């Protein structure tokens, strides 16, 4: 993990070690890539193509698919803070295809699975997403899913420590 000084240098006034999640703090250790990585993180979390529920569904499903222990721990708790129901989180964390919940969550979970497993989307999923959200928003959702794949792998490879339950209880995002 980066030092507090590295965290402050990368995040500026947004840095609060008691509230900023460890996964986000870990990006500050990326040297000259920290600034661009944090800029993309902020853009992903501010993107209007996905509301908080859809975004958290993407994060949870990607973490499960990639077996990222840090992200699974954090995202399952944050998902509940962001409006997903316990039933939806259970569906997203279960083995096998996501089913029996909101159709948007089912579709985004199928997309998360395809991108995590095959690094692409099947033509059927691309068409379904484009019909549901429009081509521009679908591209944004694909970029968001790609970001979550990248950051999950980074967090796992860097052995990011688990956030405390107290920190996660008040969190609805990385900062």
Protein backbone atom coordinates (compact mmCIF):
# COMPACT_ATOMS: atom_id res chain seq x y z
CA UNK A 1 0.00 0.00 0.00
CA UNK A 2 1.20 3.53 -0.63
CA UNK A 3 2.21 5.87 2.13
CA UNK A 4 -0.20 8.52 3.39
CA UNK A 5 1.87 11.11 1.53
CA UNK A 6 1.49 9.19 -1.74
CA UNK A 7 -2.23 8.94 -1.10
CA UNK A 8 -2.56 12.67 -0.50
CA UNK A 9 -0.44 13.45 -3.57
CA UNK A 10 -2.61 11.26 -5.80
CA UNK A 11 -6.06 12.09 -4.38
CA UNK A 12 -5.58 15.67 -3.25
CA UNK A 13 -8.40 16.93 -1.05
CA UNK A 14 -10.45 13.77 -1.72
CA UNK A 15 -8.07 11.63 0.35
CA UNK A 16 -9.36 10.43 3.69
CA UNK A 17 -7.69 7.20 4.84
CA UNK A 18 -10.66 6.51 7.12
CA UNK A 19 -13.16 6.65 4.22
CA UNK A 20 -11.21 6.05 1.00
CA UNK A 21 -11.32 2.35 0.18
CA UNK A 22 -8.06 0.41 0.11
CA UNK A 23 -8.61 -0.59 -3.52
CA UNK A 24 -8.64 3.07 -4.52
CA UNK A 25 -5.73 3.91 -2.21
CA UNK A 26 -3.69 1.13 -3.84
CA UNK A 27 -3.88 2.98 -7.16
CA UNK A 28 -1.82 5.79 -5.62
CA UNK A 29 1.14 3.40 -5.54
CA UNK A 30 1.18 3.21 -9.35
CA UNK A 31 3.63 6.10 -9.71
CA UNK A 32 3.06 8.18 -12.82
CA UNK A 33 0.08 6.00 -13.73
CA UNK A 34 -1.74 6.88 -10.50
CA UNK A 35 -3.18 10.16 -11.80
CA UNK A 36 -4.63 8.71 -15.03
CA UNK A 37 -5.90 5.61 -13.18
CA UNK A 38 -7.67 7.75 -10.58
CA UNK A 39 -9.12 9.97 -13.31
CA UNK A 40 -10.58 6.93 -15.06
CA UNK A 41 -11.88 5.58 -11.74
CA UNK A 42 -13.66 8.87 -11.03
CA UNK A 43 -15.09 8.96 -14.57
CA UNK A 44 -16.37 5.39 -14.26
CA UNK A 45 -18.09 6.10 -10.94
CA UNK A 46 -19.63 9.33 -12.31
CA UNK A 47 -20.76 7.83 -15.63
CA UNK A 48 -24.50 8.38 -16.15
CA UNK A 49 -24.82 5.23 -18.30
CA UNK A 50 -25.16 3.21 -15.08
CA UNK A 51 -26.95 4.16 -11.90
CA UNK A 52 -25.44 3.03 -8.59
CA UNK A 53 -27.36 -0.28 -8.61
CA UNK A 54 -26.23 -1.27 -12.10
CA UNK A 55 -22.66 -0.16 -11.42
CA UNK A 56 -22.48 -2.17 -8.21
CA UNK A 57 -23.98 -5.20 -9.98
CA UNK A 58 -21.12 -4.95 -12.49
CA UNK A 59 -18.55 -4.72 -9.71
CA UNK A 60 -19.95 -7.61 -7.68
CA UNK A 61 -20.29 -9.94 -10.65
CA UNK A 62 -16.82 -9.11 -12.00
CA UNK A 63 -15.27 -9.70 -8.57
CA UNK A 64 -17.00 -13.06 -8.27
CA UNK A 65 -16.06 -14.11 -11.79
CA UNK A 66 -12.40 -13.18 -11.24
CA UNK A 67 -12.35 -14.54 -7.69
CA UNK A 68 -10.98 -11.26 -6.35
CA UNK A 69 -11.22 -11.67 -2.58
CA UNK A 70 -10.73 -7.96 -1.82
CA UNK A 71 -13.40 -6.81 -4.28
CA UNK A 72 -15.87 -9.54 -3.31
CA UNK A 73 -15.60 -8.50 0.34
CA UNK A 74 -15.99 -4.79 -0.37
CA UNK A 75 -18.46 -4.87 -3.24
CA UNK A 76 -21.02 -7.17 -1.64
CA UNK A 77 -21.32 -4.75 1.27
CA UNK A 78 -21.26 -1.60 -0.87
CA UNK A 79 -23.89 -3.08 -3.20
CA UNK A 80 -26.36 -3.19 -0.33
CA UNK A 81 -25.50 0.43 0.55
CA UNK A 82 -26.16 1.38 -3.09
CA UNK A 83 -29.66 -0.03 -3.38
CA UNK A 84 -29.23 -3.64 -4.47
CA UNK A 85 -31.36 -6.06 -2.49
CA UNK A 86 -29.99 -9.03 -0.59
CA UNK A 87 -31.69 -11.30 -3.18
CA UNK A 88 -29.92 -9.47 -6.02
CA UNK A 89 -26.52 -9.70 -4.31
CA UNK A 90 -27.10 -13.40 -3.66
CA UNK A 91 -27.95 -13.94 -7.34
CA UNK A 92 -24.84 -12.04 -8.43
CA UNK A 93 -22.58 -14.04 -6.13
CA UNK A 94 -24.05 -17.47 -6.89
CA UNK A 95 -22.42 -20.03 -9.14
CA UNK A 96 -23.94 -20.25 -12.59
CA UNK A 97 -25.87 -17.67 -14.58
CA UNK A 98 -27.64 -14.85 -12.77
CA UNK A 99 -31.41 -15.31 -12.91
CA UNK A 100 -34.59 -14.41 -11.07
CA UNK A 101 -33.79 -10.73 -10.54
CA UNK A 102 -34.25 -7.46 -12.46
CA UNK A 103 -33.71 -7.94 -16.21
CA UNK A 104 -31.11 -5.14 -16.35
CA UNK A 105 -29.05 -6.87 -13.67
CA UNK A 106 -29.33 -10.22 -15.45
CA UNK A 107 -28.13 -8.66 -18.72
CA UNK A 108 -25.24 -6.74 -17.15
CA UNK A 109 -24.19 -9.89 -15.26
CA UNK A 110 -24.15 -11.86 -18.52
CA UNK A 111 -21.98 -9.12 -20.02
CA UNK A 112 -19.67 -9.17 -16.98
CA UNK A 113 -19.32 -12.94 -17.32
CA UNK A 114 -18.47 -12.74 -21.02
CA UNK A 115 -15.89 -9.99 -20.59
CA UNK A 116 -14.27 -11.67 -17.57
CA UNK A 117 -14.26 -15.13 -19.15
CA UNK A 118 -13.65 -14.39 -22.83
CA UNK A 119 -12.48 -10.75 -22.97
CA UNK A 120 -15.27 -10.00 -25.43
CA UNK A 121 -19.05 -9.97 -25.78
CA UNK A 122 -21.03 -12.42 -27.81
CA UNK A 123 -23.01 -10.88 -30.66
CA UNK A 124 -26.27 -11.70 -28.86
CA UNK A 125 -25.21 -9.77 -25.77
CA UNK A 126 -23.94 -6.80 -27.73
CA UNK A 127 -27.24 -6.64 -29.61
CA UNK A 128 -29.34 -7.04 -26.46
CA UNK A 129 -27.37 -4.35 -24.62
CA UNK A 130 -27.55 -1.96 -27.56
CA UNK A 131 -31.31 -2.42 -27.75
CA UNK A 132 -31.70 -1.94 -24.00
CA UNK A 133 -29.32 0.98 -23.39
CA UNK A 134 -28.43 2.36 -26.84
CA UNK A 135 -25.08 2.01 -28.58
CA UNK A 136 -23.36 4.95 -26.84
CA UNK A 137 -24.31 3.79 -23.33
CA UNK A 138 -23.48 0.18 -24.21
CA UNK A 139 -19.95 1.25 -25.15
CA UNK A 140 -19.66 3.09 -21.84
CA UNK A 141 -20.89 0.03 -19.95
CA UNK A 142 -18.34 -2.13 -21.77
CA UNK A 143 -15.57 0.30 -20.79
CA UNK A 144 -16.80 0.26 -17.20
CA UNK A 145 -16.81 -3.54 -17.14
CA UNK A 146 -13.32 -3.53 -18.62
CA UNK A 147 -12.16 -1.12 -15.90
CA UNK A 148 -13.61 -3.38 -13.20
CA UNK A 149 -11.72 -6.31 -14.73
CA UNK A 150 -8.48 -4.33 -14.69
CA UNK A 151 -8.87 -3.03 -11.15
CA UNK A 152 -9.89 -6.44 -9.76
CA UNK A 153 -6.76 -7.97 -11.21
CA UNK A 154 -4.63 -5.09 -9.89
CA UNK A 155 -6.12 -5.41 -6.39
CA UNK A 156 -5.54 -9.17 -6.35
CA UNK A 157 -2.00 -8.97 -7.68
CA UNK A 158 -1.07 -6.18 -5.21
CA UNK A 159 -2.62 -8.08 -2.27
CA UNK A 160 -4.78 -5.11 -1.27
CA UNK A 161 -5.81 -5.50 2.39
CA UNK A 162 -9.50 -5.94 3.19
CA UNK A 163 -11.33 -2.80 4.31
CA UNK A 164 -12.87 -2.80 7.78
CA UNK A 165 -16.58 -3.45 8.10
CA UNK A 166 -16.87 0.00 9.71
CA UNK A 167 -15.38 1.66 6.63
CA UNK A 168 -17.58 -0.38 4.28
CA UNK A 169 -20.74 0.30 6.30
CA UNK A 170 -20.57 3.98 5.34
CA UNK A 171 -19.34 3.50 1.77
CA UNK A 172 -21.13 3.70 -1.56
CA UNK A 173 -17.97 3.98 -3.68
CA UNK A 174 -14.20 4.19 -3.68
CA UNK A 175 -13.73 7.67 -2.17
